[in-house]
């Protein structure tokens, strides 16, 4: 009889000691949830870094998903950072595959064939001009016409007076626009050159009051009687680009070939890839800032 009572008492003691209170259960549950959440965040971080490294095209979707999750948990978005991220998403990166709509594809085809440049490289230039034209509220075809006349689509072109890159930007005057420490290298980056060149072009058009006067200022002929036919060549090339954009790529190429055969007529025809613009444009380039 005594043994059975002791056994029951021992059993009772063991049962009481092994019991888990509701408070302990809640703490353990929260700990488990926290651990699983941290593991998930770690996994997401690793996957995100991998996607950013191997799939540039996934950067925008991943960034948008990350921002949505951040907002969902109460995070605050800095408008300046968000705007910078949007600009990065809109502008193409060197080496990144570029997808164009039908109109811009026609323009890229024309430029690639006329100036004997690789299609992928031209597509990047067209995309950059499209993005900058939208931001600066100027016709992207005007930007591309300036690129064609200035450098014949050669991103490494340099004039005797130091104008550099696709839009022949003067690093001595506008090097700071490429960012700190990038004044010498930045002009050779096609996308950066178009960004800065488009900014200058927009400023001089606003200052001059018209596209024609803006082009005169862009080439450094603001104080001269004429611009050596520069504005005429740019606008003529812009007309061919517009013809190509409408689907008549062959007609635009034929018009360019006729112009090449007759030589650069004063004030009307664009330069060819074999004739650097600085050698045929009398004014000394200044690109006076607006």
C-alpha atoms as a PDB file:
ATOM      1  CA  UNK A   1       0.000   0.000   0.000  1.00  0.00           C
ATOM      2  CA  UNK A   2       2.772   2.457   0.896  1.00  0.00           C
ATOM      3  CA  UNK A   3       4.683   1.672  -2.290  1.00  0.00           C
ATOM      4  CA  UNK A   4       1.729   2.469  -4.538  1.00  0.00           C
ATOM      5  CA  UNK A   5       1.101   5.807  -2.875  1.00  0.00           C
ATOM      6  CA  UNK A   6       4.742   6.765  -3.262  1.00  0.00           C
ATOM      7  CA  UNK A   7       4.660   5.834  -6.918  1.00  0.00           C
ATOM      8  CA  UNK A   8       1.604   7.936  -7.482  1.00  0.00           C
ATOM      9  CA  UNK A   9       3.194  10.845  -5.645  1.00  0.00           C
ATOM     10  CA  UNK A  10       6.354  10.556  -7.707  1.00  0.00           C
ATOM     11  CA  UNK A  11       4.311  10.456 -10.870  1.00  0.00           C
ATOM     12  CA  UNK A  12       2.468  13.561  -9.849  1.00  0.00           C
ATOM     13  CA  UNK A  13       5.720  15.393  -9.113  1.00  0.00           C
ATOM     14  CA  UNK A  14       7.181  14.431 -12.493  1.00  0.00           C
ATOM     15  CA  UNK A  15       4.066  15.512 -14.320  1.00  0.00           C
ATOM     16  CA  UNK A  16       4.024  18.903 -12.635  1.00  0.00           C
ATOM     17  CA  UNK A  17       7.703  19.541 -13.333  1.00  0.00           C
ATOM     18  CA  UNK A  18       7.360  18.600 -17.025  1.00  0.00           C
ATOM     19  CA  UNK A  19       4.329  20.790 -17.699  1.00  0.00           C
ATOM     20  CA  UNK A  20       4.695  23.848 -20.027  1.00  0.00           C
ATOM     21  CA  UNK A  21       2.895  27.019 -19.090  1.00  0.00           C
ATOM     22  CA  UNK A  22       1.050  29.066 -21.757  1.00  0.00           C
ATOM     23  CA  UNK A  23       3.617  31.846 -21.348  1.00  0.00           C
ATOM     24  CA  UNK A  24       6.512  29.470 -22.079  1.00  0.00           C
ATOM     25  CA  UNK A  25       4.671  28.042 -25.061  1.00  0.00           C
ATOM     26  CA  UNK A  26       4.127  31.521 -26.504  1.00  0.00           C
ATOM     27  CA  UNK A  27       7.809  32.436 -26.058  1.00  0.00           C
ATOM     28  CA  UNK A  28       8.921  29.227 -27.755  1.00  0.00           C
ATOM     29  CA  UNK A  29       6.506  29.833 -30.646  1.00  0.00           C
ATOM     30  CA  UNK A  30       7.739  33.384 -31.146  1.00  0.00           C
ATOM     31  CA  UNK A  31      11.326  32.166 -31.094  1.00  0.00           C
ATOM     32  CA  UNK A  32      10.561  29.561 -33.725  1.00  0.00           C
ATOM     33  CA  UNK A  33       8.804  32.130 -35.939  1.00  0.00           C
ATOM     34  CA  UNK A  34      11.716  34.551 -35.567  1.00  0.00           C
ATOM     35  CA  UNK A  35      14.236  31.872 -36.471  1.00  0.00           C
ATOM     36  CA  UNK A  36      12.267  30.783 -39.550  1.00  0.00           C
ATOM     37  CA  UNK A  37      11.822  34.428 -40.600  1.00  0.00           C
ATOM     38  CA  UNK A  38      15.543  35.169 -40.310  1.00  0.00           C
ATOM     39  CA  UNK A  39      16.353  32.049 -42.298  1.00  0.00           C
ATOM     40  CA  UNK A  40      13.901  33.128 -45.009  1.00  0.00           C
ATOM     41  CA  UNK A  41      15.365  36.651 -45.111  1.00  0.00           C
ATOM     42  CA  UNK A  42      18.843  35.182 -45.428  1.00  0.00           C
ATOM     43  CA  UNK A  43      17.728  32.953 -48.284  1.00  0.00           C
ATOM     44  CA  UNK A  44      16.007  35.854 -50.032  1.00  0.00           C
ATOM     45  CA  UNK A  45      19.158  37.975 -49.669  1.00  0.00           C
ATOM     46  CA  UNK A  46      21.323  35.277 -51.204  1.00  0.00           C
ATOM     47  CA  UNK A  47      18.901  34.730 -54.095  1.00  0.00           C
ATOM     48  CA  UNK A  48      18.678  38.490 -54.667  1.00  0.00           C
ATOM     49  CA  UNK A  49      22.460  38.868 -54.841  1.00  0.00           C
ATOM     50  CA  UNK A  50      22.685  35.983 -57.289  1.00  0.00           C
ATOM     51  CA  UNK A  51      19.997  37.469 -59.498  1.00  0.00           C
ATOM     52  CA  UNK A  52      21.701  40.855 -59.477  1.00  0.00           C
ATOM     53  CA  UNK A  53      24.987  39.245 -60.436  1.00  0.00           C
ATOM     54  CA  UNK A  54      23.853  36.919 -63.211  1.00  0.00           C
ATOM     55  CA  UNK A  55      20.601  38.418 -64.485  1.00  0.00           C
ATOM     56  CA  UNK A  56      20.692  42.211 -65.006  1.00  0.00           C
ATOM     57  CA  UNK A  57      17.229  42.081 -66.561  1.00  0.00           C
ATOM     58  CA  UNK A  58      15.853  40.886 -63.215  1.00  0.00           C
ATOM     59  CA  UNK A  59      17.113  43.917 -61.298  1.00  0.00           C
ATOM     60  CA  UNK A  60      14.022  46.047 -61.740  1.00  0.00           C
ATOM     61  CA  UNK A  61      11.481  43.308 -60.779  1.00  0.00           C
ATOM     62  CA  UNK A  62      13.590  42.268 -57.793  1.00  0.00           C
ATOM     63  CA  UNK A  63      13.986  45.877 -56.672  1.00  0.00           C
ATOM     64  CA  UNK A  64      10.224  46.481 -56.936  1.00  0.00           C
ATOM     65  CA  UNK A  65       9.485  43.330 -54.934  1.00  0.00           C
ATOM     66  CA  UNK A  66      11.993  44.324 -52.282  1.00  0.00           C
ATOM     67  CA  UNK A  67      10.512  47.817 -51.992  1.00  0.00           C
ATOM     68  CA  UNK A  68       7.005  46.371 -51.670  1.00  0.00           C
ATOM     69  CA  UNK A  69       8.119  44.052 -48.857  1.00  0.00           C
ATOM     70  CA  UNK A  70       9.915  46.919 -47.128  1.00  0.00           C
ATOM     71  CA  UNK A  71       6.792  49.087 -47.232  1.00  0.00           C
ATOM     72  CA  UNK A  72       4.655  46.159 -46.033  1.00  0.00           C
ATOM     73  CA  UNK A  73       6.691  45.877 -42.831  1.00  0.00           C
ATOM     74  CA  UNK A  74       6.520  49.610 -42.183  1.00  0.00           C
ATOM     75  CA  UNK A  75       9.694  50.784 -43.958  1.00  0.00           C
ATOM     76  CA  UNK A  76      10.073  54.319 -45.288  1.00  0.00           C
ATOM     77  CA  UNK A  77      11.102  55.107 -48.873  1.00  0.00           C
ATOM     78  CA  UNK A  78      13.414  58.043 -49.517  1.00  0.00           C
ATOM     79  CA  UNK A  79      12.026  59.880 -52.602  1.00  0.00           C
ATOM     80  CA  UNK A  80      15.556  60.782 -53.781  1.00  0.00           C
ATOM     81  CA  UNK A  81      16.702  57.172 -53.623  1.00  0.00           C
ATOM     82  CA  UNK A  82      13.538  55.963 -55.310  1.00  0.00           C
ATOM     83  CA  UNK A  83      13.976  58.513 -58.134  1.00  0.00           C
ATOM     84  CA  UNK A  84      17.609  57.469 -58.631  1.00  0.00           C
ATOM     85  CA  UNK A  85      16.551  53.830 -58.798  1.00  0.00           C
ATOM     86  CA  UNK A  86      13.923  54.681 -61.406  1.00  0.00           C
ATOM     87  CA  UNK A  87      16.527  56.513 -63.486  1.00  0.00           C
ATOM     88  CA  UNK A  88      18.820  53.496 -63.294  1.00  0.00           C
ATOM     89  CA  UNK A  89      16.005  51.228 -64.439  1.00  0.00           C
ATOM     90  CA  UNK A  90      15.188  53.536 -67.392  1.00  0.00           C
ATOM     91  CA  UNK A  91      18.746  53.864 -68.657  1.00  0.00           C
ATOM     92  CA  UNK A  92      20.524  50.996 -70.380  1.00  0.00           C
ATOM     93  CA  UNK A  93      23.809  49.588 -69.070  1.00  0.00           C
ATOM     94  CA  UNK A  94      26.832  48.745 -71.184  1.00  0.00           C
ATOM     95  CA  UNK A  95      26.631  45.045 -72.056  1.00  0.00           C
ATOM     96  CA  UNK A  96      22.985  44.729 -71.020  1.00  0.00           C
ATOM     97  CA  UNK A  97      20.647  43.241 -73.652  1.00  0.00           C
ATOM     98  CA  UNK A  98      18.412  45.993 -75.047  1.00  0.00           C
ATOM     99  CA  UNK A  99      14.864  45.387 -76.233  1.00  0.00           C
ATOM    100  CA  UNK A 100      13.417  48.104 -78.482  1.00  0.00           C
ATOM    101  CA  UNK A 101       9.973  48.671 -79.908  1.00  0.00           C
ATOM    102  CA  UNK A 102       9.409  48.452 -83.655  1.00  0.00           C
ATOM    103  CA  UNK A 103      10.027  52.156 -84.285  1.00  0.00           C
ATOM    104  CA  UNK A 104      13.319  52.276 -82.389  1.00  0.00           C
ATOM    105  CA  UNK A 105      14.378  48.989 -83.967  1.00  0.00           C
ATOM    106  CA  UNK A 106      14.008  50.585 -87.406  1.00  0.00           C
ATOM    107  CA  UNK A 107      16.120  53.529 -86.261  1.00  0.00           C
ATOM    108  CA  UNK A 108      18.792  51.209 -84.879  1.00  0.00           C
ATOM    109  CA  UNK A 109      18.850  49.215 -88.119  1.00  0.00           C
ATOM    110  CA  UNK A 110      19.354  52.378 -90.159  1.00  0.00           C
ATOM    111  CA  UNK A 111      22.174  53.658 -87.946  1.00  0.00           C
ATOM    112  CA  UNK A 112      23.926  50.293 -87.786  1.00  0.00           C
ATOM    113  CA  UNK A 113      23.924  49.895 -91.569  1.00  0.00           C
ATOM    114  CA  UNK A 114      24.716  53.490 -92.438  1.00  0.00           C
ATOM    115  CA  UNK A 115      27.598  53.895 -90.020  1.00  0.00           C
ATOM    116  CA  UNK A 116      28.793  50.272 -90.010  1.00  0.00           C
ATOM    117  CA  UNK A 117      28.391  49.762 -86.275  1.00  0.00           C
ATOM    118  CA  UNK A 118      27.426  46.569 -84.434  1.00  0.00           C
ATOM    119  CA  UNK A 119      23.666  46.257 -84.009  1.00  0.00           C
ATOM    120  CA  UNK A 120      23.812  45.586 -80.255  1.00  0.00           C
ATOM    121  CA  UNK A 121      25.935  48.683 -79.666  1.00  0.00           C
ATOM    122  CA  UNK A 122      23.574  50.852 -81.705  1.00  0.00           C
ATOM    123  CA  UNK A 123      20.535  49.503 -79.874  1.00  0.00           C
ATOM    124  CA  UNK A 124      22.074  50.631 -76.592  1.00  0.00           C
ATOM    125  CA  UNK A 125      22.696  54.111 -78.022  1.00  0.00           C
ATOM    126  CA  UNK A 126      19.125  54.338 -79.338  1.00  0.00           C
ATOM    127  CA  UNK A 127      17.718  53.253 -75.966  1.00  0.00           C
ATOM    128  CA  UNK A 128      19.878  55.818 -74.167  1.00  0.00           C
ATOM    129  CA  UNK A 129      18.752  58.592 -76.540  1.00  0.00           C
ATOM    130  CA  UNK A 130      15.129  57.559 -76.041  1.00  0.00           C
ATOM    131  CA  UNK A 131      15.487  57.723 -72.246  1.00  0.00           C
ATOM    132  CA  UNK A 132      17.281  61.083 -72.297  1.00  0.00           C
ATOM    133  CA  UNK A 133      14.853  62.568 -74.815  1.00  0.00           C
ATOM    134  CA  UNK A 134      11.973  61.626 -72.550  1.00  0.00           C
ATOM    135  CA  UNK A 135      13.672  63.134 -69.522  1.00  0.00           C
ATOM    136  CA  UNK A 136      14.839  66.318 -71.283  1.00  0.00           C
ATOM    137  CA  UNK A 137      11.672  66.682 -73.365  1.00  0.00           C
ATOM    138  CA  UNK A 138      13.540  66.802 -76.648  1.00  0.00           C
ATOM    139  CA  UNK A 139      13.140  64.556 -79.684  1.00  0.00           C
ATOM    140  CA  UNK A 140      15.323  61.420 -79.323  1.00  0.00           C
ATOM    141  CA  UNK A 141      15.874  61.540 -83.076  1.00  0.00           C
ATOM    142  CA  UNK A 142      17.503  64.954 -82.659  1.00  0.00           C
ATOM    143  CA  UNK A 143      19.889  63.459 -80.095  1.00  0.00           C
ATOM    144  CA  UNK A 144      20.719  60.607 -82.450  1.00  0.00           C
ATOM    145  CA  UNK A 145      21.187  63.012 -85.366  1.00  0.00           C
ATOM    146  CA  UNK A 146      23.708  64.970 -83.287  1.00  0.00           C
ATOM    147  CA  UNK A 147      25.452  61.699 -82.411  1.00  0.00           C
ATOM    148  CA  UNK A 148      25.603  60.721 -86.096  1.00  0.00           C
ATOM    149  CA  UNK A 149      26.973  64.062 -87.289  1.00  0.00           C
ATOM    150  CA  UNK A 150      29.331  64.564 -84.367  1.00  0.00           C
ATOM    151  CA  UNK A 151      31.010  61.162 -84.185  1.00  0.00           C
ATOM    152  CA  UNK A 152      29.506  58.893 -86.863  1.00  0.00           C
ATOM    153  CA  UNK A 153      28.505  56.589 -83.967  1.00  0.00           C
ATOM    154  CA  UNK A 154      32.116  56.214 -82.786  1.00  0.00           C
ATOM    155  CA  UNK A 155      32.153  56.369 -78.948  1.00  0.00           C
ATOM    156  CA  UNK A 156      35.931  56.916 -78.913  1.00  0.00           C
ATOM    157  CA  UNK A 157      36.016  59.809 -81.379  1.00  0.00           C
ATOM    158  CA  UNK A 158      38.021  62.863 -80.350  1.00  0.00           C
ATOM    159  CA  UNK A 159      38.446  66.156 -82.160  1.00  0.00           C
ATOM    160  CA  UNK A 160      41.640  68.250 -82.395  1.00  0.00           C
ATOM    161  CA  UNK A 161      40.237  70.566 -79.704  1.00  0.00           C
ATOM    162  CA  UNK A 162      39.457  67.717 -77.284  1.00  0.00           C
ATOM    163  CA  UNK A 163      35.745  67.123 -77.882  1.00  0.00           C
ATOM    164  CA  UNK A 164      35.187  63.489 -76.944  1.00  0.00           C
ATOM    165  CA  UNK A 165      32.781  60.628 -77.492  1.00  0.00           C
ATOM    166  CA  UNK A 166      29.462  60.141 -79.245  1.00  0.00           C
ATOM    167  CA  UNK A 167      28.220  63.700 -78.774  1.00  0.00           C
ATOM    168  CA  UNK A 168      31.696  65.278 -78.721  1.00  0.00           C
ATOM    169  CA  UNK A 169      31.408  66.688 -75.219  1.00  0.00           C
ATOM    170  CA  UNK A 170      34.183  69.001 -74.020  1.00  0.00           C
ATOM    171  CA  UNK A 171      35.569  67.403 -70.817  1.00  0.00           C
ATOM    172  CA  UNK A 172      37.323  70.606 -69.830  1.00  0.00           C
ATOM    173  CA  UNK A 173      33.988  72.416 -69.620  1.00  0.00           C
ATOM    174  CA  UNK A 174      31.589  69.657 -68.635  1.00  0.00           C
ATOM    175  CA  UNK A 175      33.728  67.010 -66.962  1.00  0.00           C
ATOM    176  CA  UNK A 176      31.990  67.594 -63.622  1.00  0.00           C
ATOM    177  CA  UNK A 177      28.690  66.469 -65.149  1.00  0.00           C
ATOM    178  CA  UNK A 178      30.059  62.925 -65.373  1.00  0.00           C
ATOM    179  CA  UNK A 179      30.513  62.721 -61.608  1.00  0.00           C
ATOM    180  CA  UNK A 180      33.455  63.217 -59.320  1.00  0.00           C
ATOM    181  CA  UNK A 181      36.642  61.717 -60.720  1.00  0.00           C
ATOM    182  CA  UNK A 182      35.016  60.687 -64.021  1.00  0.00           C
ATOM    183  CA  UNK A 183      35.794  63.766 -66.096  1.00  0.00           C
ATOM    184  CA  UNK A 184      38.407  61.960 -68.184  1.00  0.00           C
ATOM    185  CA  UNK A 185      36.869  58.493 -68.483  1.00  0.00           C
ATOM    186  CA  UNK A 186      33.166  59.382 -68.405  1.00  0.00           C
ATOM    187  CA  UNK A 187      33.008  60.916 -71.911  1.00  0.00           C
ATOM    188  CA  UNK A 188      34.120  57.561 -73.348  1.00  0.00           C
ATOM    189  CA  UNK A 189      31.147  55.782 -71.773  1.00  0.00           C
ATOM    190  CA  UNK A 190      28.468  55.840 -74.525  1.00  0.00           C
ATOM    191  CA  UNK A 191      25.509  56.068 -72.147  1.00  0.00           C
ATOM    192  CA  UNK A 192      27.154  58.696 -69.923  1.00  0.00           C
ATOM    193  CA  UNK A 193      28.210  60.709 -72.977  1.00  0.00           C
ATOM    194  CA  UNK A 194      24.646  60.750 -74.288  1.00  0.00           C
ATOM    195  CA  UNK A 195      23.342  61.720 -70.868  1.00  0.00           C
ATOM    196  CA  UNK A 196      25.681  64.706 -70.567  1.00  0.00           C
ATOM    197  CA  UNK A 197      25.478  65.647 -74.236  1.00  0.00           C
ATOM    198  CA  UNK A 198      21.670  65.611 -74.113  1.00  0.00           C
ATOM    199  CA  UNK A 199      21.720  67.798 -71.024  1.00  0.00           C
ATOM    200  CA  UNK A 200      23.953  70.321 -72.820  1.00  0.00           C
ATOM    201  CA  UNK A 201      21.806  70.143 -75.964  1.00  0.00           C
ATOM    202  CA  UNK A 202      18.638  70.756 -73.969  1.00  0.00           C
ATOM    203  CA  UNK A 203      20.229  73.728 -72.196  1.00  0.00           C
ATOM    204  CA  UNK A 204      21.464  75.419 -75.374  1.00  0.00           C
ATOM    205  CA  UNK A 205      18.120  74.914 -77.146  1.00  0.00           C
ATOM    206  CA  UNK A 206      16.395  76.571 -74.201  1.00  0.00           C
ATOM    207  CA  UNK A 207      18.982  79.353 -74.201  1.00  0.00           C
ATOM    208  CA  UNK A 208      18.842  79.862 -77.970  1.00  0.00           C
ATOM    209  CA  UNK A 209      15.055  79.726 -78.186  1.00  0.00           C
ATOM    210  CA  UNK A 210      14.961  77.274 -81.090  1.00  0.00           C
ATOM    211  CA  UNK A 211      16.495  74.009 -82.235  1.00  0.00           C
ATOM    212  CA  UNK A 212      18.472  75.726 -84.990  1.00  0.00           C
ATOM    213  CA  UNK A 213      19.928  78.348 -82.677  1.00  0.00           C
ATOM    214  CA  UNK A 214      20.568  75.709 -80.025  1.00  0.00           C
ATOM    215  CA  UNK A 215      22.572  73.638 -82.505  1.00  0.00           C
ATOM    216  CA  UNK A 216      24.561  76.730 -83.414  1.00  0.00           C
ATOM    217  CA  UNK A 217      25.411  77.195 -79.734  1.00  0.00           C
ATOM    218  CA  UNK A 218      26.162  73.509 -79.328  1.00  0.00           C
ATOM    219  CA  UNK A 219      28.833  73.603 -82.022  1.00  0.00           C
ATOM    220  CA  UNK A 220      30.335  76.765 -80.569  1.00  0.00           C
ATOM    221  CA  UNK A 221      29.204  79.192 -83.244  1.00  0.00           C
ATOM    222  CA  UNK A 222      26.983  81.371 -81.100  1.00  0.00           C
ATOM    223  CA  UNK A 223      29.051  84.506 -81.772  1.00  0.00           C
ATOM    224  CA  UNK A 224      29.795  83.739 -85.427  1.00  0.00           C
ATOM    225  CA  UNK A 225      27.842  84.707 -88.563  1.00  0.00           C
ATOM    226  CA  UNK A 226      27.034  81.076 -89.360  1.00  0.00           C
ATOM    227  CA  UNK A 227      27.674  77.578 -88.047  1.00  0.00           C
ATOM    228  CA  UNK A 228      29.370  76.186 -91.145  1.00  0.00           C
ATOM    229  CA  UNK A 229      26.242  74.248 -92.089  1.00  0.00           C
ATOM    230  CA  UNK A 230      26.227  72.244 -88.876  1.00  0.00           C
ATOM    231  CA  UNK A 231      22.545  72.716 -88.002  1.00  0.00           C
ATOM    232  CA  UNK A 232      21.539  71.871 -91.565  1.00  0.00           C
ATOM    233  CA  UNK A 233      23.465  68.600 -91.484  1.00  0.00           C
ATOM    234  CA  UNK A 234      21.956  67.605 -88.142  1.00  0.00           C
ATOM    235  CA  UNK A 235      18.396  68.390 -89.241  1.00  0.00           C
ATOM    236  CA  UNK A 236      18.874  66.588 -92.552  1.00  0.00           C
ATOM    237  CA  UNK A 237      20.093  63.482 -90.742  1.00  0.00           C
ATOM    238  CA  UNK A 238      17.180  63.808 -88.352  1.00  0.00           C
ATOM    239  CA  UNK A 239      14.861  63.744 -91.361  1.00  0.00           C
ATOM    240  CA  UNK A 240      16.404  60.474 -92.547  1.00  0.00           C
ATOM    241  CA  UNK A 241      16.084  59.037 -89.052  1.00  0.00           C
ATOM    242  CA  UNK A 242      12.409  59.970 -89.032  1.00  0.00           C
ATOM    243  CA  UNK A 243      11.997  58.288 -92.412  1.00  0.00           C
ATOM    244  CA  UNK A 244      13.603  55.118 -91.048  1.00  0.00           C
ATOM    245  CA  UNK A 245      11.513  55.267 -87.870  1.00  0.00           C
ATOM    246  CA  UNK A 246       8.385  55.193 -90.023  1.00  0.00           C
ATOM    247  CA  UNK A 247       9.477  51.886 -91.537  1.00  0.00           C
ATOM    248  CA  UNK A 248      11.256  53.145 -94.662  1.00  0.00           C
ATOM    249  CA  UNK A 249      14.728  52.032 -93.640  1.00  0.00           C
ATOM    250  CA  UNK A 250      15.782  51.257 -97.216  1.00  0.00           C
ATOM    251  CA  UNK A 251      14.670  54.705 -98.411  1.00  0.00           C
ATOM    252  CA  UNK A 252      16.573  56.393 -95.593  1.00  0.00           C
ATOM    253  CA  UNK A 253      19.712  54.414 -96.425  1.00  0.00           C
ATOM    254  CA  UNK A 254      19.341  55.298-100.086  1.00  0.00           C
ATOM    255  CA  UNK A 255      19.048  58.989 -99.217  1.00  0.00           C
ATOM    256  CA  UNK A 256      22.177  58.718 -97.106  1.00  0.00           C
ATOM    257  CA  UNK A 257      24.031  56.968 -99.933  1.00  0.00           C
ATOM    258  CA  UNK A 258      23.069  59.728-102.364  1.00  0.00           C
ATOM    259  CA  UNK A 259      24.347  62.333 -99.930  1.00  0.00           C
ATOM    260  CA  UNK A 260      27.619  60.435 -99.552  1.00  0.00           C
ATOM    261  CA  UNK A 261      28.028  60.206-103.315  1.00  0.00           C
ATOM    262  CA  UNK A 262      27.601  63.946-103.803  1.00  0.00           C
ATOM    263  CA  UNK A 263      29.679  64.930-100.775  1.00  0.00           C
ATOM    264  CA  UNK A 264      28.571  67.040 -97.830  1.00  0.00           C
ATOM    265  CA  UNK A 265      26.731  69.931 -99.460  1.00  0.00           C
ATOM    266  CA  UNK A 266      27.035  73.150 -97.493  1.00  0.00           C
ATOM    267  CA  UNK A 267      24.390  73.289 -94.808  1.00  0.00           C
ATOM    268  CA  UNK A 268      22.268  70.403 -96.074  1.00  0.00           C
ATOM    269  CA  UNK A 269      23.971  67.003 -95.992  1.00  0.00           C
ATOM    270  CA  UNK A 270      25.416  65.068 -93.034  1.00  0.00           C
ATOM    271  CA  UNK A 271      28.968  63.871 -92.793  1.00  0.00           C
ATOM    272  CA  UNK A 272      29.903  60.265 -93.471  1.00  0.00           C
ATOM    273  CA  UNK A 273      31.706  57.908 -91.137  1.00  0.00           C
ATOM    274  CA  UNK A 274      34.949  58.607 -93.004  1.00  0.00           C
ATOM    275  CA  UNK A 275      34.754  62.359 -92.444  1.00  0.00           C
ATOM    276  CA  UNK A 276      35.018  63.484 -88.803  1.00  0.00           C
ATOM    277  CA  UNK A 277      32.733  66.473 -88.168  1.00  0.00           C
ATOM    278  CA  UNK A 278      35.445  68.607 -86.624  1.00  0.00           C
ATOM    279  CA  UNK A 279      37.420  68.620 -89.876  1.00  0.00           C
ATOM    280  CA  UNK A 280      34.504  70.035 -91.854  1.00  0.00           C
ATOM    281  CA  UNK A 281      32.958  72.400 -89.331  1.00  0.00           C
ATOM    282  CA  UNK A 282      34.858  75.705 -89.199  1.00  0.00           C
ATOM    283  CA  UNK A 283      33.754  77.013 -85.764  1.00  0.00           C
ATOM    284  CA  UNK A 284      35.887  76.100 -82.766  1.00  0.00           C
ATOM    285  CA  UNK A 285      33.708  74.054 -80.453  1.00  0.00           C
ATOM    286  CA  UNK A 286      32.906  75.695 -77.156  1.00  0.00           C
ATOM    287  CA  UNK A 287      29.600  74.199 -75.973  1.00  0.00           C
ATOM    288  CA  UNK A 288      28.925  77.207 -73.809  1.00  0.00           C
ATOM    289  CA  UNK A 289      26.890  76.142 -70.772  1.00  0.00           C
ATOM    290  CA  UNK A 290      23.413  77.612 -70.611  1.00  0.00           C
END
